[in-house]
N, C-alpha and C. Protein backbone atom coordinates (compact mmCIF):
# COMPACT_ATOMS: atom_id res chain seq x y z
N MET A 1 0.88 -1.19 0.02
CA MET A 1 0.07 -0.14 0.10
C MET A 1 0.70 1.13 0.04
N PRO A 2 0.60 2.33 -0.73
CA PRO A 2 1.37 3.46 -1.08
C PRO A 2 1.51 4.22 0.31
N GLU A 3 2.48 5.08 0.49
CA GLU A 3 2.48 5.61 1.93
C GLU A 3 1.89 7.04 1.34
N LEU A 4 1.14 7.68 2.39
CA LEU A 4 0.45 8.79 2.14
C LEU A 4 1.08 9.96 2.67
N ILE A 5 1.23 10.90 1.62
CA ILE A 5 1.83 12.48 1.96
C ILE A 5 0.60 13.62 1.90
N LEU A 6 0.65 14.56 2.73
CA LEU A 6 -0.34 15.44 2.51
C LEU A 6 0.31 16.84 2.03
N ALA A 7 -0.14 17.23 1.15
CA ALA A 7 0.71 18.35 0.63
C ALA A 7 -0.26 19.57 0.65
N VAL A 8 0.38 20.68 1.40
CA VAL A 8 -0.47 21.97 1.45
C VAL A 8 0.29 22.98 0.92
N ASP A 9 -0.70 23.85 0.00
CA ASP A 9 0.05 24.82 -0.68
C ASP A 9 -0.92 25.73 -1.55
N ASP A 10 -1.07 26.83 -1.26
CA ASP A 10 -2.22 27.73 -1.95
C ASP A 10 -2.02 27.96 -3.45
N SER A 11 -0.93 27.53 -4.02
CA SER A 11 -0.22 27.42 -5.28
C SER A 11 -0.75 25.95 -6.07
N ILE A 12 -1.83 26.16 -7.11
CA ILE A 12 -2.18 25.04 -7.74
C ILE A 12 -0.86 24.29 -8.49
N SER A 13 -0.36 25.17 -9.04
CA SER A 13 0.81 24.83 -9.83
C SER A 13 1.74 24.09 -8.97
N MET A 14 2.26 24.54 -7.78
CA MET A 14 3.07 23.93 -6.84
C MET A 14 2.43 22.62 -6.24
N ARG A 15 1.21 22.46 -6.10
CA ARG A 15 0.48 21.07 -5.48
C ARG A 15 0.53 20.20 -6.82
N GLN A 16 0.42 20.75 -7.75
CA GLN A 16 0.86 19.72 -8.93
C GLN A 16 1.94 19.36 -9.43
N LEU A 17 3.06 20.11 -8.89
CA LEU A 17 4.41 19.52 -9.16
C LEU A 17 4.67 18.45 -8.11
N VAL A 18 4.08 18.50 -6.69
CA VAL A 18 4.44 18.04 -5.84
C VAL A 18 3.47 16.62 -6.07
N ARG A 19 2.47 16.76 -6.44
CA ARG A 19 1.71 15.46 -6.60
C ARG A 19 2.42 14.66 -7.84
N ALA A 20 2.77 15.21 -8.91
CA ALA A 20 3.16 14.53 -10.12
C ALA A 20 4.62 13.94 -9.75
N THR A 21 5.45 14.58 -8.92
CA THR A 21 6.72 14.02 -8.43
C THR A 21 6.60 12.97 -7.61
N LEU A 22 5.91 12.80 -6.74
CA LEU A 22 5.54 11.96 -5.65
C LEU A 22 4.72 10.72 -6.04
N GLN A 23 3.54 11.01 -6.91
CA GLN A 23 2.80 9.96 -7.35
C GLN A 23 3.59 8.99 -8.40
N GLY A 24 4.61 9.78 -9.04
CA GLY A 24 5.49 8.89 -9.71
C GLY A 24 6.54 8.20 -9.16
N ALA A 25 6.70 8.54 -7.99
CA ALA A 25 7.55 7.76 -7.29
C ALA A 25 6.59 6.58 -6.28
N GLY A 26 5.54 6.50 -6.57
CA GLY A 26 4.70 5.41 -5.83
C GLY A 26 4.05 6.02 -4.45
N TYR A 27 4.01 7.33 -4.30
CA TYR A 27 3.36 7.60 -2.89
C TYR A 27 1.84 8.27 -3.54
N LYS A 28 1.01 7.97 -2.37
CA LYS A 28 -0.32 8.44 -2.34
C LYS A 28 -0.21 9.93 -1.98
N ILE A 29 -1.05 10.82 -2.40
CA ILE A 29 -1.02 12.23 -2.14
C ILE A 29 -2.35 12.98 -1.91
N ALA A 30 -2.64 13.43 -0.67
CA ALA A 30 -3.73 14.14 -0.26
C ALA A 30 -3.36 15.77 -0.20
N GLN A 31 -4.31 16.58 -0.60
CA GLN A 31 -3.93 17.97 -0.63
C GLN A 31 -4.81 18.79 -0.20
N ALA A 32 -4.37 19.99 0.19
CA ALA A 32 -5.15 21.14 0.80
C ALA A 32 -4.69 22.50 0.42
N THR A 33 -5.35 23.42 0.24
CA THR A 33 -5.03 24.79 -0.18
C THR A 33 -4.44 26.11 0.96
N ASN A 34 -4.70 25.44 2.09
CA ASN A 34 -4.27 26.27 3.38
C ASN A 34 -4.44 25.44 4.50
N GLY A 35 -3.89 26.22 5.49
CA GLY A 35 -3.91 25.52 6.75
C GLY A 35 -5.11 25.05 7.34
N VAL A 36 -6.02 25.82 7.17
CA VAL A 36 -7.69 25.82 7.60
C VAL A 36 -7.92 24.37 7.08
N GLU A 37 -7.64 23.97 5.72
CA GLU A 37 -8.12 22.74 4.95
C GLU A 37 -7.24 21.64 5.59
N ALA A 38 -6.06 21.84 5.62
CA ALA A 38 -5.27 20.81 6.22
C ALA A 38 -5.56 20.29 7.62
N LEU A 39 -5.87 21.35 8.52
CA LEU A 39 -6.33 21.01 9.83
C LEU A 39 -7.51 19.93 9.87
N GLU A 40 -8.35 20.58 8.96
CA GLU A 40 -9.68 19.72 8.91
C GLU A 40 -9.41 18.39 8.39
N TYR A 41 -8.42 18.37 7.58
CA TYR A 41 -8.18 16.87 6.83
C TYR A 41 -7.51 16.16 8.15
N ALA A 42 -6.63 16.70 8.97
CA ALA A 42 -5.92 15.93 9.96
C ALA A 42 -6.97 15.29 11.00
N LYS A 43 -7.93 16.26 11.14
CA LYS A 43 -9.06 15.91 12.17
C LYS A 43 -9.82 14.74 11.57
N THR A 44 -10.05 14.61 10.52
CA THR A 44 -11.04 13.75 9.84
C THR A 44 -10.65 12.62 9.24
N HIS A 45 -9.19 12.47 8.97
CA HIS A 45 -8.89 11.21 8.40
C HIS A 45 -7.52 10.73 9.05
N ASP A 46 -7.07 9.55 8.73
CA ASP A 46 -5.94 8.91 9.22
C ASP A 46 -4.59 10.07 8.99
N ALA A 47 -3.79 9.69 9.72
CA ALA A 47 -2.60 10.70 9.49
C ALA A 47 -1.67 10.16 8.55
N PRO A 48 -1.04 10.98 7.64
CA PRO A 48 -0.41 10.58 6.63
C PRO A 48 1.06 10.13 7.27
N ARG A 49 1.94 9.82 6.28
CA ARG A 49 3.23 9.65 6.58
C ARG A 49 4.28 10.64 6.92
N LEU A 50 3.97 11.79 6.09
CA LEU A 50 4.38 13.14 5.77
C LEU A 50 3.71 14.14 5.59
N VAL A 51 3.91 15.33 5.95
CA VAL A 51 3.19 16.54 5.74
C VAL A 51 4.15 17.48 4.93
N LEU A 52 3.81 18.17 3.93
CA LEU A 52 5.01 19.17 3.14
C LEU A 52 3.88 20.35 3.07
N THR A 53 4.10 21.56 3.60
CA THR A 53 3.40 22.64 3.62
C THR A 53 4.28 23.94 3.40
N ASP A 54 3.63 24.91 2.58
CA ASP A 54 4.10 26.06 2.33
C ASP A 54 3.95 26.89 3.45
N VAL A 55 4.83 28.08 3.90
CA VAL A 55 4.52 28.87 4.76
C VAL A 55 3.34 29.94 4.82
N ASN A 56 3.43 30.88 3.59
CA ASN A 56 2.64 31.97 3.46
C ASN A 56 1.65 31.55 2.52
N MET A 57 0.31 31.20 3.23
CA MET A 57 -0.89 30.83 2.74
C MET A 57 -2.03 31.75 3.17
N PRO A 58 -3.06 31.92 2.74
CA PRO A 58 -4.17 32.41 3.09
C PRO A 58 -4.90 31.65 4.18
N ASP A 59 -5.75 32.24 5.13
CA ASP A 59 -6.57 31.72 6.22
C ASP A 59 -5.59 30.93 7.01
N MET A 60 -4.81 30.35 6.99
CA MET A 60 -4.00 30.07 8.11
C MET A 60 -2.79 29.60 7.56
N ASP A 61 -1.55 30.33 7.97
CA ASP A 61 -0.21 30.27 7.33
C ASP A 61 0.64 28.62 8.01
N GLY A 62 1.49 28.20 7.19
CA GLY A 62 2.22 27.06 7.69
C GLY A 62 2.81 27.07 9.07
N LEU A 63 3.19 27.99 9.37
CA LEU A 63 3.73 27.86 10.84
C LEU A 63 2.82 27.63 11.82
N THR A 64 1.34 28.40 11.69
CA THR A 64 0.21 28.24 12.43
C THR A 64 -0.14 26.60 12.46
N LEU A 65 -0.21 26.11 11.10
CA LEU A 65 -0.38 24.86 10.85
C LEU A 65 0.26 23.80 11.64
N VAL A 66 1.78 23.95 11.60
CA VAL A 66 2.37 23.05 12.37
C VAL A 66 2.31 23.14 13.77
N ARG A 67 2.06 24.32 14.47
CA ARG A 67 1.81 24.23 15.64
C ARG A 67 0.53 23.73 16.19
N GLU A 68 -0.77 23.55 15.22
CA GLU A 68 -1.78 23.11 15.33
C GLU A 68 -1.83 21.69 15.15
N LEU A 69 -1.00 21.31 14.23
CA LEU A 69 -0.95 19.78 13.87
C LEU A 69 -0.24 18.87 15.13
N ARG A 70 1.05 19.69 15.79
CA ARG A 70 1.58 19.03 16.79
C ARG A 70 0.75 18.92 18.01
N ALA A 71 -0.40 19.76 18.07
CA ALA A 71 -1.12 19.70 19.21
C ALA A 71 -1.94 18.26 19.20
N LEU A 72 -2.12 17.91 17.92
CA LEU A 72 -3.06 16.51 17.53
C LEU A 72 -2.32 15.65 18.04
N PRO A 73 -2.82 14.57 18.82
CA PRO A 73 -2.02 13.28 19.27
C PRO A 73 -1.61 12.41 18.09
N ASN A 74 -2.17 12.28 17.05
CA ASN A 74 -1.96 11.50 15.86
C ASN A 74 -0.66 12.10 15.21
N TYR A 75 -0.31 13.36 15.28
CA TYR A 75 0.73 14.20 14.65
C TYR A 75 2.11 14.54 15.32
N LYS A 76 1.81 14.11 16.48
CA LYS A 76 3.03 14.31 17.42
C LYS A 76 4.33 13.94 16.74
N HIS A 77 4.28 12.92 16.05
CA HIS A 77 5.75 12.43 15.57
C HIS A 77 5.48 12.37 14.10
N ILE A 78 4.61 12.96 13.29
CA ILE A 78 4.50 12.97 11.89
C ILE A 78 5.58 13.88 11.29
N PRO A 79 6.57 13.53 10.47
CA PRO A 79 7.49 14.57 9.81
C PRO A 79 6.49 15.47 9.16
N ILE A 80 7.13 16.78 9.50
CA ILE A 80 6.46 17.96 8.87
C ILE A 80 7.64 18.77 8.14
N VAL A 81 7.48 19.14 6.89
CA VAL A 81 8.66 19.56 6.09
C VAL A 81 8.08 20.88 5.49
N MET A 82 8.59 22.07 5.72
CA MET A 82 8.34 23.30 5.06
C MET A 82 8.79 23.37 3.74
N LEU A 83 7.96 23.78 2.81
CA LEU A 83 8.30 23.82 1.17
C LEU A 83 8.05 25.28 0.82
N THR A 84 8.96 26.31 0.84
CA THR A 84 8.42 27.60 0.85
C THR A 84 9.65 28.56 0.16
N THR A 85 9.24 29.60 -0.07
CA THR A 85 10.40 30.69 -0.79
C THR A 85 11.05 31.14 0.21
N GLU A 86 10.47 31.04 1.72
CA GLU A 86 11.11 31.66 2.75
C GLU A 86 12.43 30.80 3.06
N SER A 87 13.41 31.76 3.55
CA SER A 87 14.96 31.14 3.84
C SER A 87 15.59 31.77 5.00
N GLY A 88 14.98 32.73 5.35
CA GLY A 88 15.69 33.49 6.39
C GLY A 88 15.90 32.61 7.77
N PRO A 89 16.96 33.01 8.63
CA PRO A 89 17.10 31.98 9.75
C PRO A 89 15.85 32.19 10.84
N ASP A 90 15.61 33.27 10.96
CA ASP A 90 14.58 33.61 11.94
C ASP A 90 13.31 32.85 11.78
N ILE A 91 12.91 32.83 10.56
CA ILE A 91 11.86 32.08 10.37
C ILE A 91 11.85 30.49 10.45
N ARG A 92 13.00 29.91 9.87
CA ARG A 92 13.44 28.68 10.25
C ARG A 92 13.42 28.49 11.63
N LYS A 93 13.98 29.17 12.46
CA LYS A 93 14.02 29.05 13.66
C LYS A 93 12.72 28.83 14.67
N ARG A 94 11.70 29.73 14.05
CA ARG A 94 10.48 29.72 14.55
C ARG A 94 9.61 28.51 14.08
N ALA A 95 9.86 28.01 12.94
CA ALA A 95 9.34 26.80 12.24
C ALA A 95 9.94 25.71 13.10
N LYS A 96 11.15 25.63 13.14
CA LYS A 96 11.62 24.56 14.13
C LYS A 96 10.85 24.47 15.58
N GLU A 97 10.94 25.67 16.20
CA GLU A 97 10.52 25.66 17.61
C GLU A 97 8.85 25.15 17.70
N PHE A 98 8.24 25.27 16.53
CA PHE A 98 6.78 24.86 16.43
C PHE A 98 6.76 23.52 16.11
N GLY A 99 7.78 22.88 15.65
CA GLY A 99 7.85 21.57 15.40
C GLY A 99 8.09 20.91 13.84
N ALA A 100 8.39 21.86 13.20
CA ALA A 100 8.83 21.50 11.87
C ALA A 100 10.07 20.55 11.74
N THR A 101 10.03 19.49 11.09
CA THR A 101 11.22 18.68 10.79
C THR A 101 12.08 18.76 9.81
N GLY A 102 11.94 19.78 8.69
CA GLY A 102 12.71 20.02 7.84
C GLY A 102 12.35 21.20 6.85
N TRP A 103 13.39 21.65 5.83
CA TRP A 103 12.90 22.82 5.09
C TRP A 103 13.43 22.73 3.71
N ILE A 104 12.59 22.85 2.66
CA ILE A 104 13.11 23.00 1.62
C ILE A 104 12.49 24.30 0.74
N VAL A 105 13.58 24.99 0.28
CA VAL A 105 13.36 26.25 -0.48
C VAL A 105 12.94 26.08 -1.89
N LYS A 106 11.96 26.93 -2.16
CA LYS A 106 11.51 26.99 -3.55
C LYS A 106 12.31 28.05 -4.49
N PRO A 107 12.58 27.89 -5.50
CA PRO A 107 12.18 26.69 -6.21
C PRO A 107 13.00 25.54 -5.90
N PHE A 108 12.65 24.40 -6.21
CA PHE A 108 13.59 23.02 -5.97
C PHE A 108 13.19 22.04 -7.33
N SER A 109 14.20 21.17 -7.29
CA SER A 109 13.92 20.33 -8.59
C SER A 109 13.13 19.01 -7.85
N PRO A 110 12.34 18.48 -8.72
CA PRO A 110 11.69 17.32 -8.37
C PRO A 110 12.40 16.14 -7.77
N GLU A 111 13.84 16.04 -8.07
CA GLU A 111 14.70 15.11 -7.71
C GLU A 111 15.16 15.65 -6.28
N GLU A 112 15.14 16.98 -5.90
CA GLU A 112 15.46 17.35 -4.43
C GLU A 112 14.38 17.01 -3.51
N LEU A 113 13.08 17.27 -4.06
CA LEU A 113 12.13 16.86 -3.28
C LEU A 113 11.91 15.22 -3.06
N LEU A 114 11.99 14.57 -4.21
CA LEU A 114 12.08 13.22 -3.98
C LEU A 114 13.16 12.56 -3.04
N ALA A 115 14.31 13.20 -2.86
CA ALA A 115 15.40 12.84 -2.24
C ALA A 115 15.14 12.86 -0.62
N THR A 116 14.55 14.28 -0.41
CA THR A 116 14.12 14.74 0.96
C THR A 116 13.22 13.70 1.42
N VAL A 117 12.07 13.48 0.94
CA VAL A 117 11.03 12.80 1.28
C VAL A 117 11.58 11.28 1.36
N LYS A 118 12.24 10.90 0.59
CA LYS A 118 12.87 9.28 0.73
C LYS A 118 13.68 9.43 2.20
N ARG A 119 14.28 10.27 2.37
CA ARG A 119 15.60 10.09 3.43
C ARG A 119 14.49 10.52 4.88
N ILE A 120 13.30 11.09 4.68
CA ILE A 120 12.72 11.60 5.89
C ILE A 120 11.77 10.24 6.15
N ILE A 121 11.06 9.59 5.10
CA ILE A 121 10.27 8.53 5.52
C ILE A 121 11.19 7.23 5.36
């Protein structure tokens, strides 16, 4: 059975790239367009093997999402990787404090994404 990854990004083109890359490698992908949708998904579905989330999104940003997911019992140990254009040390520090596992800076190559996912899973 393929491992499930939750991809959260307000950009449809980014979600399509992530989905195509990871489905091509045999993963199953669930998607959300912002943190609110992702949190609702988390509360109503089994936990995925990994969460990939953007930082800057409407309704609920990625940092808040990480904090909210970490408060759910099923998400305490699920890897959460930030997938974002943000690269400053302050925001990375905050993300780590909130419980983020890793960081990939956009733009990234499909190979980089796949290598990171394989390393974490």
